[in-house]
Amino acid sequence: MTPTAQSTASARRVVFPFTAIVGQEEMKLALLLNVIDPKIGGVMIMGDRGTGKSTTIRALADLLPEITVVANDPFNSDPNDPDVMSDEVRQQVDQGLEIPVELKKVQMVDLPLGATEDRVCGTIDIEKALSEGVKAFEPGLLAKANRGILYVDEVNLLDDHLVDVLLDSAASGWNTVEREGISIRHPARFVLVGSGNPEEGELRPQLLDRFGMHAEIHTVKEPALRVQIVEQRADFDQNPPIFLDKYKPEQESLQQKIVNAQKLLPEVKLDYDLRVKISEVCSELDVDGLRGDIVTNRAAKALTAYEGRTEVTVDDIRRVITLSLRHRLRKDPLESIDSGYKVEKAFARVFGVELTEDDAAQKNGAGQIKTGIR
């Protein structure tokens, strides 16, 4: 490590390690799969207060390997991929100019609740554009979040229009700002993570449906686990460097696993018959649109790649289908989101597998799936 890299590392805020987080396997799995394949479409995490939502998301961003970006570029452009490259950088590449590059930590952008649309999307300085004849653009949070993670806490309290803007950018991978006949666009490909407390209200169904996955988290009930979590937090707060050193091998191992999964993902195959059955489950559950089918396919492939395999199995689908479909079910307006039992039942029927009592208990109770992450 160079002296500059060392000083940067030491200047960074200390973050609780991802591999030290106890429980909440459903949330951790959903986040990891979205990092492996950002096209899954983000995660909506709903759960009780104080269950580690923000801690886990920050830990994930800190865990991710550094990425190569164009130096001094406000959009974190990828020097090798035109899809996540600003128009200015693309022109330089087309002209055959040498592009300076640097390694940068994956950005995690926190969206404050009171943020305005200008702060999120960026603004155009009309006066400068008219007087100097240049497109004077002040980048917003979406520019900063390109190739990173955009985290919206209490997303259910955010203005619906702003949520729409975020979801549009996350889906298209681009943000366009138009004002007084001047139009500027830039890449905005990020993993959108929203979190909220169901007591403060749900998102509208049409917005909820556009999140790729929906994870439910609950307060840990077992006293022994609660003590373990409290002790871990106390150890971390008392001496962060020693605590981080203890988990360093696990962190590095998981980081490498993510990198390998991203490389392996294009080779993963999902059998046609399994794809038909996924669509059968969606049809039986009366899921509107095709997002449920697409996300389940993508998530199953990402899980397969994460575990170092190239053939999707029925068990891979079982482990992601509830996360992908539970928030897309038609429900009574007075009901909360189904815990996943309906999805499990439909899956069991279509795939011809038995729904065990353990599965039913997990879905109706703790909201935690055994994933083998730890």
Protein backbone atom coordinates (compact mmCIF):
# COMPACT_ATOMS: atom_id res chain seq x y z
CA MET A 1 0.00 0.00 0.00
CA THR A 2 1.35 3.45 -0.93
CA PRO A 3 1.66 6.22 1.71
CA THR A 4 -1.22 8.11 0.00
CA ALA A 5 -3.46 5.04 0.10
CA GLN A 6 -2.54 4.49 3.75
CA SER A 7 -3.40 8.06 4.74
CA THR A 8 -6.71 7.83 2.81
CA ALA A 9 -7.56 4.57 4.56
CA SER A 10 -6.78 6.01 7.98
CA ALA A 11 -8.81 9.17 7.24
CA ARG A 12 -11.90 7.16 6.36
CA ARG A 13 -14.57 6.77 8.97
CA VAL A 14 -14.42 3.45 10.83
CA VAL A 15 -17.36 1.23 9.88
CA PHE A 16 -18.70 -1.85 11.68
CA PRO A 17 -17.66 -4.92 9.60
CA PHE A 18 -20.34 -6.63 7.51
CA THR A 19 -19.25 -10.14 8.48
CA ALA A 20 -19.65 -9.32 12.20
CA ILE A 21 -23.37 -8.53 11.85
CA VAL A 22 -25.45 -11.18 13.63
CA GLY A 23 -28.73 -12.42 12.14
CA GLN A 24 -30.88 -10.47 9.62
CA GLU A 25 -29.83 -12.97 6.95
CA GLU A 26 -32.68 -12.00 4.61
CA MET A 27 -31.53 -8.38 4.44
CA LYS A 28 -27.86 -9.36 4.02
CA LEU A 29 -28.66 -11.77 1.20
CA ALA A 30 -30.80 -9.22 -0.68
CA LEU A 31 -28.05 -6.59 -0.43
CA LEU A 32 -25.29 -8.97 -1.58
CA LEU A 33 -27.32 -10.16 -4.58
CA ASN A 34 -27.96 -6.55 -5.66
CA VAL A 35 -24.26 -5.78 -5.47
CA ILE A 36 -23.48 -8.83 -7.61
CA ASP A 37 -26.17 -7.84 -10.15
CA PRO A 38 -27.32 -4.20 -9.77
CA LYS A 39 -29.93 -4.82 -12.50
CA ILE A 40 -32.02 -6.69 -9.91
CA GLY A 41 -33.35 -3.23 -9.10
CA GLY A 42 -32.54 -2.44 -5.48
CA VAL A 43 -33.93 -3.46 -2.10
CA MET A 44 -36.70 -2.15 0.10
CA ILE A 45 -35.99 -3.04 3.75
CA MET A 46 -38.92 -2.75 6.13
CA GLY A 47 -38.50 -3.46 9.81
CA ASP A 48 -38.55 -2.38 13.42
CA ARG A 49 -36.53 0.55 14.71
CA GLY A 50 -32.99 -0.23 15.89
CA THR A 51 -32.56 -3.46 13.93
CA GLY A 52 -29.31 -2.45 12.22
CA LYS A 53 -30.62 -1.38 8.80
CA SER A 54 -28.28 1.61 8.39
CA THR A 55 -25.35 -0.20 10.02
CA THR A 56 -25.65 -3.13 7.59
CA ILE A 57 -25.88 -0.93 4.48
CA ARG A 58 -22.86 1.16 5.50
CA ALA A 59 -20.96 -2.04 6.29
CA LEU A 60 -21.73 -3.39 2.81
CA ALA A 61 -20.47 -0.23 1.08
CA ASP A 62 -17.27 -0.37 3.15
CA LEU A 63 -16.79 -4.05 2.30
CA LEU A 64 -16.93 -3.61 -1.48
CA PRO A 65 -13.64 -3.58 -3.44
CA GLU A 66 -12.31 -0.33 -4.90
CA ILE A 67 -13.36 0.52 -8.45
CA THR A 68 -11.42 2.12 -11.31
CA VAL A 69 -12.80 5.57 -12.17
CA VAL A 70 -11.81 8.42 -14.46
CA ALA A 71 -9.74 10.82 -12.35
CA ASN A 72 -11.48 14.06 -11.24
CA ASP A 73 -14.74 13.01 -12.88
CA PRO A 74 -17.85 13.99 -10.86
CA PHE A 75 -19.79 10.98 -12.19
CA ASN A 76 -17.32 8.20 -11.23
CA SER A 77 -17.20 7.25 -14.93
CA ASP A 78 -15.90 3.79 -15.82
CA PRO A 79 -12.98 4.23 -18.29
CA ASN A 80 -13.86 0.89 -19.94
CA ASP A 81 -17.68 0.81 -20.06
CA PRO A 82 -19.57 3.38 -22.21
CA ASP A 83 -22.82 2.64 -20.32
CA VAL A 84 -21.44 4.18 -17.11
CA MET A 85 -19.37 6.89 -18.76
CA SER A 86 -20.28 10.57 -19.00
CA ASP A 87 -20.72 12.07 -22.50
CA GLU A 88 -17.56 14.17 -22.01
CA VAL A 89 -15.42 11.12 -21.17
CA ARG A 90 -16.94 9.18 -24.08
CA GLN A 91 -15.92 11.97 -26.48
CA GLN A 92 -12.36 11.84 -25.14
CA VAL A 93 -12.30 8.04 -25.63
CA ASP A 94 -13.65 8.41 -29.20
CA GLN A 95 -10.91 10.95 -29.95
CA GLY A 96 -8.31 8.46 -28.72
CA LEU A 97 -7.15 10.71 -25.88
CA GLU A 98 -5.43 9.20 -22.85
CA ILE A 99 -7.83 9.02 -19.92
CA PRO A 100 -6.30 9.43 -16.42
CA VAL A 101 -7.69 6.86 -13.99
CA GLU A 102 -7.63 6.26 -10.24
CA LEU A 103 -8.90 3.71 -7.73
CA LYS A 104 -11.79 4.86 -5.57
CA LYS A 105 -13.86 3.37 -2.77
CA VAL A 106 -17.44 2.55 -3.78
CA GLN A 107 -19.59 5.54 -2.83
CA MET A 108 -22.50 5.22 -0.44
CA VAL A 109 -24.72 8.27 -0.74
CA ASP A 110 -27.22 9.04 2.04
CA LEU A 111 -30.30 10.85 0.77
CA PRO A 112 -31.56 13.25 3.45
CA LEU A 113 -35.34 13.34 3.97
CA GLY A 114 -35.54 17.07 3.27
CA ALA A 115 -33.62 16.89 -0.04
CA THR A 116 -35.02 18.93 -2.95
CA GLU A 117 -35.24 17.68 -6.52
CA ASP A 118 -32.41 20.06 -7.52
CA ARG A 119 -30.17 18.60 -4.79
CA VAL A 120 -30.95 15.07 -5.97
CA CYS A 121 -30.80 15.53 -9.76
CA GLY A 122 -28.43 18.47 -10.09
CA THR A 123 -28.98 21.97 -11.49
CA ILE A 124 -28.16 23.87 -14.65
CA ASP A 125 -26.76 27.40 -14.30
CA ILE A 126 -28.86 29.14 -16.98
CA GLU A 127 -27.07 32.49 -16.60
CA LYS A 128 -23.66 30.93 -17.22
CA ALA A 129 -25.04 28.85 -20.08
CA LEU A 130 -26.45 31.93 -21.82
CA SER A 131 -23.53 34.30 -21.13
CA GLU A 132 -20.64 31.88 -21.77
CA GLY A 133 -22.34 29.42 -24.12
CA VAL A 134 -21.37 26.38 -22.02
CA LYS A 135 -23.58 23.80 -20.31
CA ALA A 136 -22.89 24.74 -16.70
CA PHE A 137 -24.09 21.77 -14.67
CA GLU A 138 -23.87 21.39 -10.89
CA PRO A 139 -24.04 17.61 -10.25
CA GLY A 140 -26.46 16.30 -7.61
CA LEU A 141 -26.59 13.21 -5.41
CA LEU A 142 -27.47 10.93 -8.36
CA ALA A 143 -24.15 11.85 -10.02
CA LYS A 144 -22.24 11.05 -6.83
CA ALA A 145 -24.09 7.72 -6.48
CA ASN A 146 -23.17 6.45 -9.97
CA ARG A 147 -21.58 2.98 -9.63
CA GLY A 148 -22.30 3.04 -5.90
CA ILE A 149 -25.14 2.68 -3.40
CA LEU A 150 -27.90 5.25 -2.86
CA TYR A 151 -29.47 4.81 0.56
CA VAL A 152 -32.81 6.39 1.46
CA ASP A 153 -33.74 5.97 5.11
CA GLU A 154 -37.47 6.34 5.89
CA VAL A 155 -38.23 6.11 2.16
CA ASN A 156 -41.94 5.79 2.99
CA LEU A 157 -41.83 9.38 4.33
CA LEU A 158 -40.17 10.75 1.18
CA ASP A 159 -42.24 12.72 -1.34
CA ASP A 160 -43.73 10.32 -3.92
CA HIS A 161 -42.45 12.47 -6.80
CA LEU A 162 -38.88 12.23 -5.51
CA VAL A 163 -39.19 8.44 -5.05
CA ASP A 164 -40.38 8.28 -8.69
CA VAL A 165 -37.30 10.22 -9.86
CA LEU A 166 -34.99 7.86 -7.94
CA LEU A 167 -36.68 4.74 -9.30
CA ASP A 168 -36.62 6.07 -12.88
CA SER A 169 -32.89 6.76 -12.68
CA ALA A 170 -32.19 3.39 -11.01
CA ALA A 171 -34.14 1.58 -13.76
CA SER A 172 -32.72 3.46 -16.77
CA GLY A 173 -29.18 4.03 -15.44
CA TRP A 174 -29.31 7.68 -16.58
CA ASN A 175 -30.39 10.99 -15.07
CA THR A 176 -31.62 13.77 -17.36
CA VAL A 177 -31.95 17.38 -16.22
CA GLU A 178 -33.86 19.78 -18.47
CA ARG A 179 -34.35 23.49 -17.94
CA GLU A 180 -35.18 26.38 -20.27
CA GLY A 181 -34.47 24.32 -23.39
CA ILE A 182 -31.11 23.08 -22.08
CA SER A 183 -30.80 19.32 -21.49
CA ILE A 184 -27.98 17.49 -19.72
CA ARG A 185 -27.75 13.80 -18.93
CA HIS A 186 -25.27 11.69 -17.06
CA PRO A 187 -24.93 8.02 -16.01
CA ALA A 188 -26.67 7.15 -12.74
CA ARG A 189 -26.36 3.41 -12.28
CA PHE A 190 -26.57 2.59 -8.59
CA VAL A 191 -28.01 0.09 -6.14
CA LEU A 192 -31.05 1.78 -4.62
CA VAL A 193 -31.66 0.77 -1.01
CA GLY A 194 -34.70 2.08 0.81
CA SER A 195 -35.56 1.40 4.42
CA GLY A 196 -38.53 2.20 6.58
CA ASN A 197 -40.64 1.32 9.58
CA PRO A 198 -44.06 -0.16 8.70
CA GLU A 199 -45.59 1.77 11.63
CA GLU A 200 -44.99 4.98 9.67
CA GLY A 201 -46.96 3.78 6.62
CA GLU A 202 -46.25 1.76 3.48
CA LEU A 203 -45.12 2.98 0.08
CA ARG A 204 -47.77 3.14 -2.63
CA PRO A 205 -48.01 -0.28 -4.40
CA GLN A 206 -46.93 1.12 -7.78
CA LEU A 207 -43.74 2.50 -6.22
CA LEU A 208 -43.12 -0.56 -4.06
CA ASP A 209 -43.39 -2.82 -7.11
CA ARG A 210 -40.45 -1.06 -8.72
CA PHE A 211 -38.02 -2.10 -6.00
CA GLY A 212 -36.43 -5.36 -7.12
CA MET A 213 -36.54 -7.06 -3.72
CA HIS A 214 -38.30 -6.56 -0.39
CA ALA A 215 -36.65 -7.73 2.84
CA GLU A 216 -38.44 -7.90 6.17
CA ILE A 217 -36.43 -7.62 9.36
CA HIS A 218 -37.52 -8.04 12.94
CA THR A 219 -36.00 -7.48 16.35
CA VAL A 220 -34.02 -10.53 17.46
CA LYS A 221 -35.99 -12.33 20.19
CA GLU A 222 -33.46 -14.86 21.52
CA PRO A 223 -31.78 -13.43 24.68
CA ALA A 224 -28.42 -15.12 23.91
CA LEU A 225 -28.28 -13.53 20.45
CA ARG A 226 -29.26 -10.12 21.85
CA VAL A 227 -26.42 -10.35 24.38
CA GLN A 228 -24.00 -11.33 21.59
CA ILE A 229 -25.04 -8.29 19.50
CA VAL A 230 -24.71 -5.91 22.47
CA GLU A 231 -21.26 -7.31 23.40
CA GLN A 232 -20.02 -7.08 19.82
CA ARG A 233 -21.11 -3.47 19.58
CA ALA A 234 -19.41 -2.68 22.90
CA ASP A 235 -16.16 -4.36 21.72
CA PHE A 236 -16.24 -2.39 18.46
CA ASP A 237 -16.88 0.96 20.19
CA GLN A 238 -14.15 0.32 22.77
CA ASN A 239 -11.38 -0.45 20.27
CA PRO A 240 -12.38 -0.34 16.57
CA PRO A 241 -8.91 -1.21 15.10
CA ILE A 242 -8.60 -4.45 17.15
CA PHE A 243 -12.20 -5.41 16.32
CA LEU A 244 -11.62 -4.77 12.60
CA ASP A 245 -8.40 -6.82 12.64
CA LYS A 246 -10.31 -9.74 14.15
CA TYR A 247 -12.75 -9.77 11.22
CA LYS A 248 -10.26 -8.83 8.50
CA PRO A 249 -9.81 -12.38 7.09
CA GLU A 250 -13.61 -12.89 6.86
CA GLN A 251 -14.05 -9.46 5.26
CA GLU A 252 -11.36 -10.14 2.65
CA SER A 253 -12.80 -13.59 1.93
CA LEU A 254 -16.32 -12.20 1.38
CA GLN A 255 -14.97 -9.35 -0.75
CA GLN A 256 -13.20 -11.87 -3.00
CA LYS A 257 -16.38 -13.97 -3.15
CA ILE A 258 -18.33 -10.94 -4.44
CA VAL A 259 -15.67 -10.17 -7.08
CA ASN A 260 -15.66 -13.81 -8.25
CA ALA A 261 -19.47 -13.85 -8.40
CA GLN A 262 -19.56 -10.70 -10.55
CA LYS A 263 -17.13 -12.32 -13.01
CA LEU A 264 -18.98 -15.66 -13.02
CA LEU A 265 -22.49 -14.18 -13.41
CA PRO A 266 -22.53 -14.03 -17.27
CA GLU A 267 -21.83 -17.79 -17.40
CA VAL A 268 -24.72 -18.81 -15.11
CA LYS A 269 -27.50 -20.76 -16.85
CA LEU A 270 -31.14 -21.04 -15.79
CA ASP A 271 -32.95 -24.02 -17.34
CA TYR A 272 -35.98 -23.21 -19.52
CA ASP A 273 -38.30 -25.46 -17.49
CA LEU A 274 -37.35 -23.63 -14.28
CA ARG A 275 -38.02 -20.28 -15.96
CA VAL A 276 -41.48 -21.49 -16.98
CA LYS A 277 -42.19 -22.59 -13.41
CA ILE A 278 -41.10 -19.20 -12.02
CA SER A 279 -43.58 -17.54 -14.36
CA GLU A 280 -46.21 -20.09 -13.31
CA VAL A 281 -45.75 -19.06 -9.66
CA CYS A 282 -46.08 -15.37 -10.62
CA SER A 283 -49.21 -16.12 -12.63
CA GLU A 284 -50.76 -18.19 -9.84
CA LEU A 285 -50.12 -15.37 -7.35
CA ASP A 286 -51.75 -12.91 -9.78
CA VAL A 287 -48.65 -10.71 -9.84
CA ASP A 288 -49.16 -7.67 -12.11
CA GLY A 289 -46.61 -7.12 -14.87
CA LEU A 290 -43.40 -9.06 -15.51
CA ARG A 291 -41.04 -7.45 -13.01
CA GLY A 292 -41.53 -10.35 -10.58
CA ASP A 293 -40.48 -12.91 -13.21
CA ILE A 294 -37.43 -10.88 -14.28
CA VAL A 295 -36.19 -10.15 -10.75
CA THR A 296 -36.61 -13.79 -9.60
CA ASN A 297 -34.59 -14.97 -12.63
CA ARG A 298 -31.83 -12.44 -12.01
CA ALA A 299 -31.70 -13.04 -8.25
CA ALA A 300 -31.51 -16.83 -8.66
CA LYS A 301 -28.59 -16.42 -11.09
CA ALA A 302 -26.82 -13.99 -8.74
CA LEU A 303 -27.17 -16.42 -5.82
CA THR A 304 -25.80 -19.26 -7.97
CA ALA A 305 -22.79 -17.12 -8.97
CA TYR A 306 -22.29 -16.07 -5.31
CA GLU A 307 -21.93 -19.73 -4.38
CA GLY A 308 -19.50 -20.36 -7.24
CA ARG A 309 -21.80 -22.46 -9.46
CA THR A 310 -23.06 -22.02 -13.04
CA GLU A 311 -26.34 -24.02 -12.97
CA VAL A 312 -29.36 -22.61 -11.08
CA THR A 313 -31.12 -25.18 -8.88
CA VAL A 314 -34.68 -25.32 -7.50
CA ASP A 315 -33.24 -24.51 -4.06
CA ASP A 316 -31.63 -21.31 -5.40
CA ILE A 317 -35.04 -20.18 -6.66
CA ARG A 318 -36.68 -21.10 -3.33
CA ARG A 319 -34.24 -18.89 -1.44
CA VAL A 320 -34.89 -15.76 -3.53
CA ILE A 321 -38.50 -16.04 -4.72
CA THR A 322 -40.09 -14.65 -1.54
CA LEU A 323 -37.71 -11.67 -1.52
CA SER A 324 -38.62 -11.01 -5.17
CA LEU A 325 -42.41 -11.41 -4.99
CA ARG A 326 -43.80 -10.71 -1.51
CA HIS A 327 -44.31 -6.98 -2.16
CA ARG A 328 -46.01 -7.56 -5.52
CA LEU A 329 -48.98 -9.54 -4.22
CA ARG A 330 -52.47 -8.06 -4.41
CA LYS A 331 -53.68 -7.49 -0.90
CA ASP A 332 -56.42 -6.00 1.18
CA PRO A 333 -55.61 -2.27 1.78
CA LEU A 334 -55.81 -2.91 5.53
CA GLU A 335 -53.31 -5.78 5.46
CA SER A 336 -49.57 -5.34 5.84
CA ILE A 337 -47.23 -6.96 3.29
CA ASP A 338 -47.50 -10.72 3.39
CA SER A 339 -44.63 -12.31 5.30
CA GLY A 340 -44.03 -14.67 2.39
CA TYR A 341 -46.13 -17.71 3.29
CA LYS A 342 -48.37 -17.29 0.21
CA VAL A 343 -45.31 -17.20 -2.04
CA GLU A 344 -43.84 -20.29 -0.36
CA LYS A 345 -47.12 -22.19 -0.77
CA ALA A 346 -47.40 -21.31 -4.48
CA PHE A 347 -43.72 -22.22 -5.01
CA ALA A 348 -44.20 -25.59 -3.28
CA ARG A 349 -47.25 -26.39 -5.44
CA VAL A 350 -45.71 -25.42 -8.79
CA PHE A 351 -42.26 -26.93 -8.17
CA GLY A 352 -43.67 -30.03 -6.50
CA VAL A 353 -41.70 -29.67 -3.27
CA GLU A 354 -42.91 -29.99 0.29
CA LEU A 355 -43.35 -26.87 2.39
CA THR A 356 -41.79 -27.80 5.70
CA GLU A 357 -42.97 -26.53 9.07
CA ASP A 358 -39.60 -24.77 9.46
CA ASP A 359 -40.18 -22.79 6.25
CA ALA A 360 -43.64 -21.74 7.38
CA ALA A 361 -42.36 -20.76 10.83
CA GLN A 362 -39.51 -18.74 9.34
CA LYS A 363 -41.80 -16.86 7.02
CA ASN A 364 -44.42 -16.15 9.64
CA GLY A 365 -41.96 -15.40 12.41
CA ALA A 366 -38.42 -14.20 12.37
CA GLY A 367 -38.26 -13.21 8.71
CA GLN A 368 -34.77 -14.69 8.48
CA ILE A 369 -33.75 -17.23 5.87
CA LYS A 370 -30.73 -19.46 6.45
CA THR A 371 -28.42 -18.42 3.66
CA GLY A 372 -24.98 -19.60 4.70
CA ILE A 373 -23.47 -16.12 4.34
CA ARG A 374 -21.60 -16.32 7.62
